[in-house]
Amino acid sequence: MSRMTAILAGLFVLACLSPAHAASQKALDLRKADGLSEFSPPEAFLSGGFLADEMEPCYLFGSVKEFVASRKCPTTWLIEEGEKARIAKPASPDAPLEYTLYLEEDCPDGVVHYVFVDQSAMTPKQWIEWRKQFHKSKAEGEYGATKDRLEKAVSEGMKISGELRFIMKNGELSGNRTPEQTLRQDMNFPACYDLKQGAKLPK
């Protein structure tokens, strides 16, 4: 093998090993400010559907991986260092594991963070029980109807693995709409199930 051939072969190997996308300086600055590092979500989360309104969701979207594929700019999954340390510890049976993940979309006009909660380890029953400790007596009234709708969706074969809680651009909350409204009205990302009607939606 000639010296030139060896050099070219080495460059080819480096190119294959290099990441396809180098994060912008803005993205790197936001990661540092928020204590975020790269993370690989579990397949159970990526393959499931997600809600996009914490209080009274009307639709189920999904899957998470389909949402990621729909983004126009390079994306990276991130997690807070504290969350990474917490989920490394075994969860107690009465405290179902849920944790926050950031989907970073690094665009020329700014960095968007889609803030998800991975709840792929929860059943709908655990979903409502877990919130009672935060909402006390209001939980059943606020979430009871949603729980019933989620259970119906699950009984019809829908897989629910998390929630999209916030959308931020350049570190600031984006607009006054819920993520559900933003997905349907601004981003034209289709829902796959109508929770209030209890029916699957055509793709």
C-alpha atoms as a PDB file:
ATOM      1  CA  MET A   1       0.000   0.000   0.000  1.00  0.00           C
ATOM      2  CA  SER A   2       1.465   3.370  -1.002  1.00  0.00           C
ATOM      3  CA  ARG A   3       1.775   6.198   1.510  1.00  0.00           C
ATOM      4  CA  MET A   4      -0.922   8.224  -0.261  1.00  0.00           C
ATOM      5  CA  THR A   5      -3.301   5.255  -0.284  1.00  0.00           C
ATOM      6  CA  ALA A   6      -2.715   4.742   3.434  1.00  0.00           C
ATOM      7  CA  ILE A   7      -3.436   8.414   4.146  1.00  0.00           C
ATOM      8  CA  LEU A   8      -6.662   8.319   2.138  1.00  0.00           C
ATOM      9  CA  ALA A   9      -7.741   5.123   3.883  1.00  0.00           C
ATOM     10  CA  GLY A  10      -7.111   6.754   7.245  1.00  0.00           C
ATOM     11  CA  LEU A  11      -9.136   9.817   6.318  1.00  0.00           C
ATOM     12  CA  PHE A  12     -12.003   7.593   5.183  1.00  0.00           C
ATOM     13  CA  VAL A  13     -12.042   5.764   8.533  1.00  0.00           C
ATOM     14  CA  LEU A  14     -12.042   9.074  10.431  1.00  0.00           C
ATOM     15  CA  ALA A  15     -14.930  10.346   8.321  1.00  0.00           C
ATOM     16  CA  CYS A  16     -16.928   7.228   9.091  1.00  0.00           C
ATOM     17  CA  LEU A  17     -16.288   7.576  12.812  1.00  0.00           C
ATOM     18  CA  SER A  18     -17.010  11.306  12.966  1.00  0.00           C
ATOM     19  CA  PRO A  19     -20.525  12.451  13.960  1.00  0.00           C
ATOM     20  CA  ALA A  20     -22.773  13.446  11.074  1.00  0.00           C
ATOM     21  CA  HIS A  21     -23.633  16.727  12.773  1.00  0.00           C
ATOM     22  CA  ALA A  22     -21.428  19.055  14.795  1.00  0.00           C
ATOM     23  CA  ALA A  23     -23.542  21.090  17.215  1.00  0.00           C
ATOM     24  CA  SER A  24     -23.620  24.852  16.682  1.00  0.00           C
ATOM     25  CA  GLN A  25     -22.030  27.158  19.231  1.00  0.00           C
ATOM     26  CA  LYS A  26     -25.514  28.272  20.344  1.00  0.00           C
ATOM     27  CA  ALA A  27     -26.505  24.666  20.999  1.00  0.00           C
ATOM     28  CA  LEU A  28     -23.292  24.016  22.916  1.00  0.00           C
ATOM     29  CA  ASP A  29     -23.812  27.142  25.015  1.00  0.00           C
ATOM     30  CA  LEU A  30     -27.363  26.097  25.924  1.00  0.00           C
ATOM     31  CA  ARG A  31     -26.198  22.602  26.812  1.00  0.00           C
ATOM     32  CA  LYS A  32     -23.573  24.023  29.145  1.00  0.00           C
ATOM     33  CA  ALA A  33     -25.970  26.528  30.736  1.00  0.00           C
ATOM     34  CA  ASP A  34     -28.594  23.847  31.433  1.00  0.00           C
ATOM     35  CA  GLY A  35     -26.194  21.037  32.368  1.00  0.00           C
ATOM     36  CA  LEU A  36     -27.259  18.850  29.449  1.00  0.00           C
ATOM     37  CA  SER A  37     -25.371  15.971  27.873  1.00  0.00           C
ATOM     38  CA  GLU A  38     -26.138  13.531  25.069  1.00  0.00           C
ATOM     39  CA  PHE A  39     -28.330  10.542  25.897  1.00  0.00           C
ATOM     40  CA  SER A  40     -29.817   7.538  24.114  1.00  0.00           C
ATOM     41  CA  PRO A  41     -33.499   7.078  25.074  1.00  0.00           C
ATOM     42  CA  PRO A  42     -34.854   3.537  25.430  1.00  0.00           C
ATOM     43  CA  GLU A  43     -36.630   1.981  22.470  1.00  0.00           C
ATOM     44  CA  ALA A  44     -39.790   1.625  24.573  1.00  0.00           C
ATOM     45  CA  PHE A  45     -39.993   5.424  24.714  1.00  0.00           C
ATOM     46  CA  LEU A  46     -39.059   6.069  21.086  1.00  0.00           C
ATOM     47  CA  SER A  47     -41.507   3.535  19.659  1.00  0.00           C
ATOM     48  CA  GLY A  48     -44.516   4.725  21.676  1.00  0.00           C
ATOM     49  CA  GLY A  49     -46.953   7.574  21.252  1.00  0.00           C
ATOM     50  CA  PHE A  50     -46.952  10.739  23.333  1.00  0.00           C
ATOM     51  CA  LEU A  51     -49.334  13.287  24.818  1.00  0.00           C
ATOM     52  CA  ALA A  52     -48.754  17.008  24.371  1.00  0.00           C
ATOM     53  CA  ASP A  53     -51.021  18.616  26.973  1.00  0.00           C
ATOM     54  CA  GLU A  54     -50.311  17.850  30.631  1.00  0.00           C
ATOM     55  CA  MET A  55     -53.686  18.941  32.009  1.00  0.00           C
ATOM     56  CA  GLU A  56     -56.328  17.813  29.497  1.00  0.00           C
ATOM     57  CA  PRO A  57     -54.883  16.108  26.411  1.00  0.00           C
ATOM     58  CA  CYS A  58     -57.250  15.665  23.493  1.00  0.00           C
ATOM     59  CA  TYR A  59     -54.953  13.670  21.225  1.00  0.00           C
ATOM     60  CA  LEU A  60     -52.248  11.051  21.213  1.00  0.00           C
ATOM     61  CA  PHE A  61     -49.365  11.671  18.814  1.00  0.00           C
ATOM     62  CA  GLY A  62     -46.676   9.356  17.655  1.00  0.00           C
ATOM     63  CA  SER A  63     -44.545   7.669  17.627  1.00  0.00           C
ATOM     64  CA  VAL A  64     -41.765   9.686  19.262  1.00  0.00           C
ATOM     65  CA  LYS A  65     -39.315   8.472  16.613  1.00  0.00           C
ATOM     66  CA  GLU A  66     -41.710   9.601  13.871  1.00  0.00           C
ATOM     67  CA  PHE A  67     -41.765  13.050  15.427  1.00  0.00           C
ATOM     68  CA  VAL A  68     -37.957  13.106  15.480  1.00  0.00           C
ATOM     69  CA  ALA A  69     -37.868  12.046  11.821  1.00  0.00           C
ATOM     70  CA  SER A  70     -40.234  14.897  10.922  1.00  0.00           C
ATOM     71  CA  ARG A  71     -37.803  17.580  12.124  1.00  0.00           C
ATOM     72  CA  LYS A  72     -36.076  19.567   9.375  1.00  0.00           C
ATOM     73  CA  CYS A  73     -32.823  20.342  11.241  1.00  0.00           C
ATOM     74  CA  PRO A  74     -30.292  18.020  12.939  1.00  0.00           C
ATOM     75  CA  THR A  75     -31.517  16.586  16.248  1.00  0.00           C
ATOM     76  CA  THR A  76     -29.834  15.253  19.384  1.00  0.00           C
ATOM     77  CA  TRP A  77     -31.334  13.729  22.530  1.00  0.00           C
ATOM     78  CA  LEU A  78     -30.099  15.345  25.756  1.00  0.00           C
ATOM     79  CA  ILE A  79     -30.606  14.840  29.487  1.00  0.00           C
ATOM     80  CA  GLU A  80     -29.789  16.843  32.608  1.00  0.00           C
ATOM     81  CA  GLU A  81     -26.828  15.462  34.540  1.00  0.00           C
ATOM     82  CA  GLY A  82     -28.940  15.237  37.709  1.00  0.00           C
ATOM     83  CA  GLU A  83     -31.599  13.202  35.919  1.00  0.00           C
ATOM     84  CA  LYS A  84     -28.989  10.873  34.492  1.00  0.00           C
ATOM     85  CA  ALA A  85     -27.654  10.210  37.995  1.00  0.00           C
ATOM     86  CA  ARG A  86     -31.167   9.682  39.374  1.00  0.00           C
ATOM     87  CA  ILE A  87     -32.268   7.118  36.815  1.00  0.00           C
ATOM     88  CA  ALA A  88     -29.056   5.170  37.362  1.00  0.00           C
ATOM     89  CA  LYS A  89     -30.435   4.212  40.797  1.00  0.00           C
ATOM     90  CA  PRO A  90     -33.060   1.442  41.078  1.00  0.00           C
ATOM     91  CA  ALA A  91     -36.579   2.871  41.366  1.00  0.00           C
ATOM     92  CA  SER A  92     -38.797   1.768  44.248  1.00  0.00           C
ATOM     93  CA  PRO A  93     -41.986  -0.126  43.265  1.00  0.00           C
ATOM     94  CA  ASP A  94     -44.226   2.682  44.571  1.00  0.00           C
ATOM     95  CA  ALA A  95     -42.376   5.349  42.581  1.00  0.00           C
ATOM     96  CA  PRO A  96     -42.640   4.573  38.851  1.00  0.00           C
ATOM     97  CA  LEU A  97     -39.683   5.919  36.957  1.00  0.00           C
ATOM     98  CA  GLU A  98     -40.219   9.020  34.834  1.00  0.00           C
ATOM     99  CA  TYR A  99     -37.594  11.489  33.739  1.00  0.00           C
ATOM    100  CA  THR A 100     -37.133  14.520  31.500  1.00  0.00           C
ATOM    101  CA  LEU A 101     -35.469  14.380  28.090  1.00  0.00           C
ATOM    102  CA  TYR A 102     -34.645  17.208  25.699  1.00  0.00           C
ATOM    103  CA  LEU A 103     -34.854  16.770  21.957  1.00  0.00           C
ATOM    104  CA  GLU A 104     -32.525  19.427  20.587  1.00  0.00           C
ATOM    105  CA  GLU A 105     -33.229  20.685  17.051  1.00  0.00           C
ATOM    106  CA  ASP A 106     -30.250  22.737  15.921  1.00  0.00           C
ATOM    107  CA  CYS A 107     -31.434  25.120  13.185  1.00  0.00           C
ATOM    108  CA  PRO A 108     -29.668  28.077  11.527  1.00  0.00           C
ATOM    109  CA  ASP A 109     -32.204  30.517  12.988  1.00  0.00           C
ATOM    110  CA  GLY A 110     -32.048  29.130  16.522  1.00  0.00           C
ATOM    111  CA  VAL A 111     -32.031  26.064  18.772  1.00  0.00           C
ATOM    112  CA  VAL A 112     -35.350  24.456  19.671  1.00  0.00           C
ATOM    113  CA  HIS A 113     -35.745  22.136  22.656  1.00  0.00           C
ATOM    114  CA  TYR A 114     -38.730  19.779  22.793  1.00  0.00           C
ATOM    115  CA  VAL A 115     -38.948  18.839  26.467  1.00  0.00           C
ATOM    116  CA  PHE A 116     -40.341  15.328  26.873  1.00  0.00           C
ATOM    117  CA  VAL A 117     -41.033  13.171  29.908  1.00  0.00           C
ATOM    118  CA  ASP A 118     -40.261   9.483  29.381  1.00  0.00           C
ATOM    119  CA  GLN A 119     -43.075   7.516  31.054  1.00  0.00           C
ATOM    120  CA  SER A 120     -42.628   4.309  29.090  1.00  0.00           C
ATOM    121  CA  ALA A 121     -42.358   2.307  32.326  1.00  0.00           C
ATOM    122  CA  MET A 122     -45.810   3.474  33.541  1.00  0.00           C
ATOM    123  CA  THR A 123     -49.290   2.070  33.088  1.00  0.00           C
ATOM    124  CA  PRO A 124     -52.226   4.531  32.861  1.00  0.00           C
ATOM    125  CA  LYS A 125     -53.139   3.561  36.451  1.00  0.00           C
ATOM    126  CA  GLN A 126     -49.632   4.403  37.647  1.00  0.00           C
ATOM    127  CA  TRP A 127     -49.860   7.642  35.653  1.00  0.00           C
ATOM    128  CA  ILE A 128     -52.819   8.878  37.743  1.00  0.00           C
ATOM    129  CA  GLU A 129     -51.521   7.504  41.055  1.00  0.00           C
ATOM    130  CA  TRP A 130     -48.143   9.176  40.611  1.00  0.00           C
ATOM    131  CA  ARG A 131     -49.797  12.584  40.148  1.00  0.00           C
ATOM    132  CA  LYS A 132     -51.913  12.339  43.286  1.00  0.00           C
ATOM    133  CA  GLN A 133     -48.893  13.200  45.407  1.00  0.00           C
ATOM    134  CA  PHE A 134     -48.517  16.473  43.495  1.00  0.00           C
ATOM    135  CA  HIS A 135     -52.168  17.419  43.046  1.00  0.00           C
ATOM    136  CA  LYS A 136     -53.658  15.793  46.166  1.00  0.00           C
ATOM    137  CA  SER A 137     -57.471  15.669  46.048  1.00  0.00           C
ATOM    138  CA  LYS A 138     -57.607  17.513  42.727  1.00  0.00           C
ATOM    139  CA  ALA A 139     -55.836  14.699  40.890  1.00  0.00           C
ATOM    140  CA  GLU A 140     -58.837  12.457  40.386  1.00  0.00           C
ATOM    141  CA  GLY A 141     -60.965  15.324  39.108  1.00  0.00           C
ATOM    142  CA  GLU A 142     -58.244  16.755  36.891  1.00  0.00           C
ATOM    143  CA  TYR A 143     -56.847  13.510  35.562  1.00  0.00           C
ATOM    144  CA  GLY A 144     -59.589  10.925  36.123  1.00  0.00           C
ATOM    145  CA  ALA A 145     -61.262  11.465  32.763  1.00  0.00           C
ATOM    146  CA  THR A 146     -57.906  11.469  31.002  1.00  0.00           C
ATOM    147  CA  LYS A 147     -56.960   8.221  32.760  1.00  0.00           C
ATOM    148  CA  ASP A 148     -60.149   6.561  31.488  1.00  0.00           C
ATOM    149  CA  ARG A 149     -59.473   7.804  27.967  1.00  0.00           C
ATOM    150  CA  LEU A 150     -55.880   6.583  28.101  1.00  0.00           C
ATOM    151  CA  GLU A 151     -56.998   3.163  29.294  1.00  0.00           C
ATOM    152  CA  LYS A 152     -59.453   2.968  26.399  1.00  0.00           C
ATOM    153  CA  ALA A 153     -56.704   3.938  23.952  1.00  0.00           C
ATOM    154  CA  VAL A 154     -54.403   1.278  25.387  1.00  0.00           C
ATOM    155  CA  SER A 155     -57.178  -1.328  25.182  1.00  0.00           C
ATOM    156  CA  GLU A 156     -57.403  -0.514  21.463  1.00  0.00           C
ATOM    157  CA  GLY A 157     -53.714  -1.172  20.927  1.00  0.00           C
ATOM    158  CA  MET A 158     -52.272   2.323  21.336  1.00  0.00           C
ATOM    159  CA  LYS A 159     -48.911   2.541  23.090  1.00  0.00           C
ATOM    160  CA  ILE A 160     -48.311   5.623  25.251  1.00  0.00           C
ATOM    161  CA  SER A 161     -44.742   6.231  26.315  1.00  0.00           C
ATOM    162  CA  GLY A 162     -44.488   9.870  27.383  1.00  0.00           C
ATOM    163  CA  GLU A 163     -45.488  13.505  27.248  1.00  0.00           C
ATOM    164  CA  LEU A 164     -44.230  16.562  25.407  1.00  0.00           C
ATOM    165  CA  ARG A 165     -44.356  19.163  28.193  1.00  0.00           C
ATOM    166  CA  PHE A 166     -42.694  22.271  26.741  1.00  0.00           C
ATOM    167  CA  ILE A 167     -41.249  23.710  23.543  1.00  0.00           C
ATOM    168  CA  MET A 168     -38.444  26.227  23.940  1.00  0.00           C
ATOM    169  CA  LYS A 169     -36.464  28.274  21.420  1.00  0.00           C
ATOM    170  CA  ASN A 170     -33.072  29.619  22.390  1.00  0.00           C
ATOM    171  CA  GLY A 171     -33.820  28.810  26.013  1.00  0.00           C
ATOM    172  CA  GLU A 172     -37.177  30.612  26.155  1.00  0.00           C
ATOM    173  CA  LEU A 173     -40.667  29.112  26.209  1.00  0.00           C
ATOM    174  CA  SER A 174     -42.205  29.324  22.759  1.00  0.00           C
ATOM    175  CA  GLY A 175     -45.495  31.236  22.648  1.00  0.00           C
ATOM    176  CA  ASN A 176     -48.629  30.878  24.781  1.00  0.00           C
ATOM    177  CA  ARG A 177     -49.993  27.749  23.168  1.00  0.00           C
ATOM    178  CA  THR A 178     -49.809  24.254  24.605  1.00  0.00           C
ATOM    179  CA  PRO A 179     -47.482  21.864  22.792  1.00  0.00           C
ATOM    180  CA  GLU A 180     -50.610  20.060  21.556  1.00  0.00           C
ATOM    181  CA  GLN A 181     -51.873  23.225  19.885  1.00  0.00           C
ATOM    182  CA  THR A 182     -48.448  23.951  18.427  1.00  0.00           C
ATOM    183  CA  LEU A 183     -48.126  20.463  16.954  1.00  0.00           C
ATOM    184  CA  ARG A 184     -51.522  20.588  15.292  1.00  0.00           C
ATOM    185  CA  GLN A 185     -51.749  24.240  14.247  1.00  0.00           C
ATOM    186  CA  ASP A 186     -48.185  25.382  13.602  1.00  0.00           C
ATOM    187  CA  MET A 187     -46.206  22.231  12.862  1.00  0.00           C
ATOM    188  CA  ASN A 188     -48.946  20.235  11.142  1.00  0.00           C
ATOM    189  CA  PHE A 189     -47.815  17.055  12.887  1.00  0.00           C
ATOM    190  CA  PRO A 190     -50.742  14.608  12.749  1.00  0.00           C
ATOM    191  CA  ALA A 191     -52.284  12.973  15.792  1.00  0.00           C
ATOM    192  CA  CYS A 192     -52.866   9.223  15.693  1.00  0.00           C
ATOM    193  CA  TYR A 193     -55.702   8.942  18.244  1.00  0.00           C
ATOM    194  CA  ASP A 194     -58.553  11.205  19.350  1.00  0.00           C
ATOM    195  CA  LEU A 195     -58.827  10.719  23.117  1.00  0.00           C
ATOM    196  CA  LYS A 196     -62.145  12.516  23.544  1.00  0.00           C
ATOM    197  CA  GLN A 197     -63.784  10.605  20.702  1.00  0.00           C
ATOM    198  CA  GLY A 198     -62.042   7.365  21.672  1.00  0.00           C
ATOM    199  CA  ALA A 199     -61.057   6.636  18.081  1.00  0.00           C
ATOM    200  CA  LYS A 200     -57.962   6.042  15.991  1.00  0.00           C
ATOM    201  CA  LEU A 201     -57.266   8.676  13.346  1.00  0.00           C
ATOM    202  CA  PRO A 202     -56.295   7.896   9.758  1.00  0.00           C
ATOM    203  CA  LYS A 203     -52.704   8.645   8.763  1.00  0.00           C
END
